[in-house]
Every structure is written in structure tokens, then in C-alpha cells.
Amino acid sequence: MDKKPTRISPLARVEIEALEAGRAWTRRKIERDLQKLADQQGGFSPLQRPSADPDSPAPDQADHRRR
């Protein structure tokens, strides 16, 4: 089965390019906004889990299965 390439109209091509440009602009804006928030918050460290209490019950393995 040989498929012929679908021809895209010039208007559709302009629309596609505009959507791609909009996505790129949005991605850059989100990156800038997130960086600004991160700079305001200052440094951070990864989540520190509390050490396991030897008297606490073990977690139920059924809770960790993928659903």
C-alpha cells in the first residue's frame, strides 16, 4: 500500500507554524516563571524521609502494587 503524501494547504501550514510558535512561547514563559519562583524560594534539598520507627508496623505491600 503506497500512500501518497497528503498535501497541506498554505493556510493550514500557517496555522501549524503559529501553533508551534505558540507552544514554544508558552514553554519559555513557563520556564521563566518557574525559574523566578525557584529563585525566590532559594535553595532546597530533596525530601528527607524520617527514619523508620522500629515499633511501627511494616507497610502493607498491597498498598504499593500498581493499580
PDB file of N, CA and C in Angstrom:
ATOM      1  N   MET A   1       0.820  -1.168   0.000  1.00  0.00           N
ATOM      2  CA  MET A   1       0.000   0.000   0.000  1.00  0.00           C
ATOM      3  C   MET A   1       0.876   1.249   0.000  1.00  0.00           C
ATOM      4  N   ASP A   2       0.965   1.880  -1.083  1.00  0.00           N
ATOM      5  CA  ASP A   2       1.705   3.129  -1.170  1.00  0.00           C
ATOM      6  C   ASP A   2       0.752   4.280  -0.919  1.00  0.00           C
ATOM      7  N   LYS A   3       1.077   5.058   0.105  1.00  0.00           N
ATOM      8  CA  LYS A   3       0.259   6.233   0.394  1.00  0.00           C
ATOM      9  C   LYS A   3       0.912   7.438  -0.257  1.00  0.00           C
ATOM     10  N   LYS A   4       0.099   8.227  -0.900  1.00  0.00           N
ATOM     11  CA  LYS A   4       0.608   9.473  -1.461  1.00  0.00           C
ATOM     12  C   LYS A   4       0.700  10.484  -0.322  1.00  0.00           C
ATOM     13  N   PRO A   5       1.742  11.297  -0.329  1.00  0.00           N
ATOM     14  CA  PRO A   5       1.846  12.305   0.722  1.00  0.00           C
ATOM     15  C   PRO A   5       0.653  13.262   0.649  1.00  0.00           C
ATOM     16  N   THR A   6       0.102  13.564   1.807  1.00  0.00           N
ATOM     17  CA  THR A   6      -1.023  14.475   1.870  1.00  0.00           C
ATOM     18  C   THR A   6      -0.514  15.895   1.683  1.00  0.00           C
ATOM     19  N   ARG A   7      -1.152  16.604   0.813  1.00  0.00           N
ATOM     20  CA  ARG A   7      -0.752  17.980   0.555  1.00  0.00           C
ATOM     21  C   ARG A   7      -1.437  18.884   1.562  1.00  0.00           C
ATOM     22  N   ILE A   8      -0.672  19.766   2.173  1.00  0.00           N
ATOM     23  CA  ILE A   8      -1.204  20.693   3.167  1.00  0.00           C
ATOM     24  C   ILE A   8      -1.383  22.053   2.506  1.00  0.00           C
ATOM     25  N   SER A   9      -2.538  22.621   2.721  1.00  0.00           N
ATOM     26  CA  SER A   9      -2.814  23.938   2.129  1.00  0.00           C
ATOM     27  C   SER A   9      -1.926  24.988   2.793  1.00  0.00           C
ATOM     28  N   PRO A  10      -1.662  26.072   2.093  1.00  0.00           N
ATOM     29  CA  PRO A  10      -0.833  27.141   2.677  1.00  0.00           C
ATOM     30  C   PRO A  10      -1.441  27.698   3.972  1.00  0.00           C
ATOM     31  N   LEU A  11      -2.758  27.790   4.045  1.00  0.00           N
ATOM     32  CA  LEU A  11      -3.382  28.295   5.267  1.00  0.00           C
ATOM     33  C   LEU A  11      -3.181  27.320   6.425  1.00  0.00           C
ATOM     34  N   ALA A  12      -3.301  26.036   6.145  1.00  0.00           N
ATOM     35  CA  ALA A  12      -3.077  25.039   7.184  1.00  0.00           C
ATOM     36  C   ALA A  12      -1.624  25.072   7.647  1.00  0.00           C
ATOM     37  N   ARG A  13      -0.706  25.279   6.731  1.00  0.00           N
ATOM     38  CA  ARG A  13       0.711  25.354   7.082  1.00  0.00           C
ATOM     39  C   ARG A  13       0.971  26.547   8.010  1.00  0.00           C
ATOM     40  N   VAL A  14       0.346  27.689   7.701  1.00  0.00           N
ATOM     41  CA  VAL A  14       0.499  28.875   8.548  1.00  0.00           C
ATOM     42  C   VAL A  14      -0.074  28.595   9.939  1.00  0.00           C
ATOM     43  N   GLU A  15      -1.218  27.931   9.981  1.00  0.00           N
ATOM     44  CA  GLU A  15      -1.833  27.599  11.267  1.00  0.00           C
ATOM     45  C   GLU A  15      -0.932  26.679  12.082  1.00  0.00           C
ATOM     46  N   ILE A  16      -0.355  25.681  11.439  1.00  0.00           N
ATOM     47  CA  ILE A  16       0.549  24.753  12.124  1.00  0.00           C
ATOM     48  C   ILE A  16       1.753  25.494  12.680  1.00  0.00           C
ATOM     49  N   GLU A  17       2.340  26.373  11.882  1.00  0.00           N
ATOM     50  CA  GLU A  17       3.502  27.136  12.332  1.00  0.00           C
ATOM     51  C   GLU A  17       3.140  28.050  13.496  1.00  0.00           C
ATOM     52  N   ALA A  18       1.938  28.663  13.440  1.00  0.00           N
ATOM     53  CA  ALA A  18       1.507  29.539  14.528  1.00  0.00           C
ATOM     54  C   ALA A  18       1.313  28.737  15.818  1.00  0.00           C
ATOM     55  N   LEU A  19       0.725  27.550  15.709  1.00  0.00           N
ATOM     56  CA  LEU A  19       0.539  26.710  16.890  1.00  0.00           C
ATOM     57  C   LEU A  19       1.879  26.284  17.480  1.00  0.00           C
ATOM     58  N   GLU A  20       2.831  25.922  16.631  1.00  0.00           N
ATOM     59  CA  GLU A  20       4.162  25.536  17.113  1.00  0.00           C
ATOM     60  C   GLU A  20       4.852  26.700  17.804  1.00  0.00           C
ATOM     61  N   ALA A  21       4.736  27.896  17.218  1.00  0.00           N
ATOM     62  CA  ALA A  21       5.345  29.080  17.824  1.00  0.00           C
ATOM     63  C   ALA A  21       4.689  29.375  19.169  1.00  0.00           C
ATOM     64  N   GLY A  22       3.372  29.209  19.238  1.00  0.00           N
ATOM     65  CA  GLY A  22       2.661  29.440  20.494  1.00  0.00           C
ATOM     66  C   GLY A  22       3.085  28.463  21.571  1.00  0.00           C
ATOM     67  N   ARG A  23       3.274  27.208  21.201  1.00  0.00           N
ATOM     68  CA  ARG A  23       3.734  26.207  22.176  1.00  0.00           C
ATOM     69  C   ARG A  23       5.133  26.546  22.679  1.00  0.00           C
ATOM     70  N   ALA A  24       5.992  26.957  21.770  1.00  0.00           N
ATOM     71  CA  ALA A  24       7.364  27.304  22.158  1.00  0.00           C
ATOM     72  C   ALA A  24       7.353  28.519  23.089  1.00  0.00           C
ATOM     73  N   TRP A  25       6.542  29.531  22.768  1.00  0.00           N
ATOM     74  CA  TRP A  25       6.455  30.723  23.602  1.00  0.00           C
ATOM     75  C   TRP A  25       5.936  30.355  24.988  1.00  0.00           C
ATOM     76  N   THR A  26       4.897  29.531  25.027  1.00  0.00           N
ATOM     77  CA  THR A  26       4.319  29.110  26.302  1.00  0.00           C
ATOM     78  C   THR A  26       5.338  28.346  27.132  1.00  0.00           C
ATOM     79  N   ARG A  27       6.069  27.433  26.500  1.00  0.00           N
ATOM     80  CA  ARG A  27       7.084  26.659  27.212  1.00  0.00           C
ATOM     81  C   ARG A  27       8.153  27.585  27.805  1.00  0.00           C
ATOM     82  N   ARG A  28       8.617  28.572  27.017  1.00  0.00           N
ATOM     83  CA  ARG A  28       9.634  29.504  27.525  1.00  0.00           C
ATOM     84  C   ARG A  28       9.089  30.337  28.680  1.00  0.00           C
ATOM     85  N   LYS A  29       7.828  30.779  28.576  1.00  0.00           N
ATOM     86  CA  LYS A  29       7.220  31.576  29.640  1.00  0.00           C
ATOM     87  C   LYS A  29       7.118  30.759  30.922  1.00  0.00           C
ATOM     88  N   ILE A  30       6.671  29.533  30.812  1.00  0.00           N
ATOM     89  CA  ILE A  30       6.566  28.673  31.994  1.00  0.00           C
ATOM     90  C   ILE A  30       7.940  28.457  32.614  1.00  0.00           C
ATOM     91  N   GLU A  31       8.949  28.218  31.776  1.00  0.00           N
ATOM     92  CA  GLU A  31      10.309  28.028  32.297  1.00  0.00           C
ATOM     93  C   GLU A  31      10.774  29.276  33.043  1.00  0.00           C
ATOM     94  N   ARG A  32      10.519  30.474  32.471  1.00  0.00           N
ATOM     95  CA  ARG A  32      10.925  31.718  33.138  1.00  0.00           C
ATOM     96  C   ARG A  32      10.188  31.895  34.456  1.00  0.00           C
ATOM     97  N   ASP A  33       8.869  31.652  34.454  1.00  0.00           N
ATOM     98  CA  ASP A  33       8.077  31.814  35.668  1.00  0.00           C
ATOM     99  C   ASP A  33       8.518  30.834  36.750  1.00  0.00           C
ATOM    100  N   LEU A  34       8.762  29.586  36.365  1.00  0.00           N
ATOM    101  CA  LEU A  34       9.221  28.599  37.344  1.00  0.00           C
ATOM    102  C   LEU A  34      10.600  28.952  37.888  1.00  0.00           C
ATOM    103  N   GLN A  35      11.481  29.442  37.015  1.00  0.00           N
ATOM    104  CA  GLN A  35      12.814  29.831  37.477  1.00  0.00           C
ATOM    105  C   GLN A  35      12.725  31.001  38.439  1.00  0.00           C
ATOM    106  N   LYS A  36      11.836  31.954  38.145  1.00  0.00           N
ATOM    107  CA  LYS A  36      11.653  33.102  39.029  1.00  0.00           C
ATOM    108  C   LYS A  36      11.169  32.635  40.404  1.00  0.00           C
ATOM    109  N   LEU A  37      10.207  31.708  40.420  1.00  0.00           N
ATOM    110  CA  LEU A  37       9.720  31.172  41.689  1.00  0.00           C
ATOM    111  C   LEU A  37      10.820  30.423  42.437  1.00  0.00           C
ATOM    112  N   ALA A  38      11.599  29.641  41.710  1.00  0.00           N
ATOM    113  CA  ALA A  38      12.689  28.890  42.343  1.00  0.00           C
ATOM    114  C   ALA A  38      13.719  29.846  42.935  1.00  0.00           C
ATOM    115  N   ASP A  39      14.017  30.944  42.224  1.00  0.00           N
ATOM    116  CA  ASP A  39      14.971  31.925  42.734  1.00  0.00           C
ATOM    117  C   ASP A  39      14.444  32.601  43.996  1.00  0.00           C
ATOM    118  N   GLN A  40      13.135  32.863  44.037  1.00  0.00           N
ATOM    119  CA  GLN A  40      12.531  33.491  45.215  1.00  0.00           C
ATOM    120  C   GLN A  40      12.549  32.550  46.412  1.00  0.00           C
ATOM    121  N   GLN A  41      12.363  31.256  46.157  1.00  0.00           N
ATOM    122  CA  GLN A  41      12.314  30.275  47.242  1.00  0.00           C
ATOM    123  C   GLN A  41      13.693  30.003  47.824  1.00  0.00           C
ATOM    124  N   GLY A  42      14.719  30.201  47.025  1.00  0.00           N
ATOM    125  CA  GLY A  42      16.061  29.914  47.489  1.00  0.00           C
ATOM    126  C   GLY A  42      16.388  28.442  47.321  1.00  0.00           C
ATOM    127  N   GLY A  43      17.446  28.016  47.984  1.00  0.00           N
ATOM    128  CA  GLY A  43      17.897  26.628  47.858  1.00  0.00           C
ATOM    129  C   GLY A  43      16.903  25.654  48.460  1.00  0.00           C
ATOM    130  N   PHE A  44      16.990  24.453  48.039  1.00  0.00           N
ATOM    131  CA  PHE A  44      16.129  23.410  48.581  1.00  0.00           C
ATOM    132  C   PHE A  44      16.931  22.131  48.631  1.00  0.00           C
ATOM    133  N   SER A  45      16.449  21.217  49.427  1.00  0.00           N
ATOM    134  CA  SER A  45      17.091  19.909  49.496  1.00  0.00           C
ATOM    135  C   SER A  45      16.036  18.859  49.173  1.00  0.00           C
ATOM    136  N   PRO A  46      16.455  17.716  48.711  1.00  0.00           N
ATOM    137  CA  PRO A  46      15.494  16.659  48.406  1.00  0.00           C
ATOM    138  C   PRO A  46      14.716  16.255  49.656  1.00  0.00           C
ATOM    139  N   LEU A  47      13.577  15.667  49.439  1.00  0.00           N
ATOM    140  CA  LEU A  47      12.735  15.209  50.530  1.00  0.00           C
ATOM    141  C   LEU A  47      13.533  14.280  51.438  1.00  0.00           C
ATOM    142  N   GLN A  48      13.509  14.580  52.709  1.00  0.00           N
ATOM    143  CA  GLN A  48      14.174  13.733  53.698  1.00  0.00           C
ATOM    144  C   GLN A  48      13.119  12.875  54.368  1.00  0.00           C
ATOM    145  N   ARG A  49      13.195  11.602  54.158  1.00  0.00           N
ATOM    146  CA  ARG A  49      12.234  10.697  54.781  1.00  0.00           C
ATOM    147  C   ARG A  49      12.658  10.454  56.228  1.00  0.00           C
ATOM    148  N   PRO A  50      11.683  10.441  57.116  1.00  0.00           N
ATOM    149  CA  PRO A  50      12.041  10.164  58.518  1.00  0.00           C
ATOM    150  C   PRO A  50      12.553   8.730  58.642  1.00  0.00           C
ATOM    151  N   SER A  51      13.468   8.554  59.567  1.00  0.00           N
ATOM    152  CA  SER A  51      13.981   7.188  59.757  1.00  0.00           C
ATOM    153  C   SER A  51      12.848   6.314  60.267  1.00  0.00           C
ATOM    154  N   ALA A  52      12.878   5.069  59.895  1.00  0.00           N
ATOM    155  CA  ALA A  52      11.810   4.136  60.249  1.00  0.00           C
ATOM    156  C   ALA A  52      11.807   3.893  61.751  1.00  0.00           C
ATOM    157  N   ASP A  53      10.638   3.979  62.336  1.00  0.00           N
ATOM    158  CA  ASP A  53      10.466   3.692  63.760  1.00  0.00           C
ATOM    159  C   ASP A  53      10.393   2.176  63.903  1.00  0.00           C
ATOM    160  N   PRO A  54      11.274   1.570  64.696  1.00  0.00           N
ATOM    161  CA  PRO A  54      11.270   0.099  64.802  1.00  0.00           C
ATOM    162  C   PRO A  54       9.965  -0.446  65.368  1.00  0.00           C
ATOM    163  N   ASP A  55       9.199   0.386  66.097  1.00  0.00           N
ATOM    164  CA  ASP A  55       7.942  -0.073  66.684  1.00  0.00           C
ATOM    165  C   ASP A  55       6.750   0.088  65.742  1.00  0.00           C
ATOM    166  N   SER A  56       6.941   0.774  64.617  1.00  0.00           N
ATOM    167  CA  SER A  56       5.817   0.979  63.703  1.00  0.00           C
ATOM    168  C   SER A  56       5.636  -0.257  62.829  1.00  0.00           C
ATOM    169  N   PRO A  57       4.387  -0.541  62.433  1.00  0.00           N
ATOM    170  CA  PRO A  57       4.150  -1.719  61.588  1.00  0.00           C
ATOM    171  C   PRO A  57       4.736  -1.514  60.192  1.00  0.00           C
ATOM    172  N   ALA A  58       5.097  -2.601  59.564  1.00  0.00           N
ATOM    173  CA  ALA A  58       5.640  -2.548  58.207  1.00  0.00           C
ATOM    174  C   ALA A  58       4.525  -2.148  57.247  1.00  0.00           C
ATOM    175  N   PRO A  59       4.853  -1.406  56.177  1.00  0.00           N
ATOM    176  CA  PRO A  59       3.819  -1.017  55.218  1.00  0.00           C
ATOM    177  C   PRO A  59       3.233  -2.239  54.528  1.00  0.00           C
ATOM    178  N   ASP A  60       1.978  -2.173  54.247  1.00  0.00           N
ATOM    179  CA  ASP A  60       1.277  -3.255  53.565  1.00  0.00           C
ATOM    180  C   ASP A  60       1.708  -3.262  52.099  1.00  0.00           C
ATOM    181  N   GLN A  61       2.245  -4.366  51.633  1.00  0.00           N
ATOM    182  CA  GLN A  61       2.729  -4.446  50.262  1.00  0.00           C
ATOM    183  C   GLN A  61       1.606  -4.253  49.247  1.00  0.00           C
ATOM    184  N   ALA A  62       0.375  -4.563  49.624  1.00  0.00           N
ATOM    185  CA  ALA A  62      -0.750  -4.402  48.709  1.00  0.00           C
ATOM    186  C   ALA A  62      -0.953  -2.923  48.370  1.00  0.00           C
ATOM    187  N   ASP A  63      -0.566  -2.034  49.285  1.00  0.00           N
ATOM    188  CA  ASP A  63      -0.709  -0.605  49.034  1.00  0.00           C
ATOM    189  C   ASP A  63       0.249  -0.117  47.958  1.00  0.00           C
ATOM    190  N   HIS A  64       1.299  -0.865  47.696  1.00  0.00           N
ATOM    191  CA  HIS A  64       2.328  -0.421  46.766  1.00  0.00           C
ATOM    192  C   HIS A  64       2.197  -1.045  45.384  1.00  0.00           C
ATOM    193  N   ARG A  65       1.217  -1.908  45.208  1.00  0.00           N
ATOM    194  CA  ARG A  65       1.037  -2.523  43.887  1.00  0.00           C
ATOM    195  C   ARG A  65       0.433  -1.532  42.934  1.00  0.00           C
ATOM    196  N   ARG A  66       0.806  -1.680  41.696  1.00  0.00           N
ATOM    197  CA  ARG A  66       0.235  -0.824  40.652  1.00  0.00           C
ATOM    198  C   ARG A  66      -1.217  -1.188  40.432  1.00  0.00           C
ATOM    199  N   ARG A  67      -2.026  -0.196  40.283  1.00  0.00           N
ATOM    200  CA  ARG A  67      -3.459  -0.455  40.084  1.00  0.00           C
ATOM    201  C   ARG A  67      -3.812  -0.335  38.647  1.00  0.00           C
TER     202      ARG A  67
END
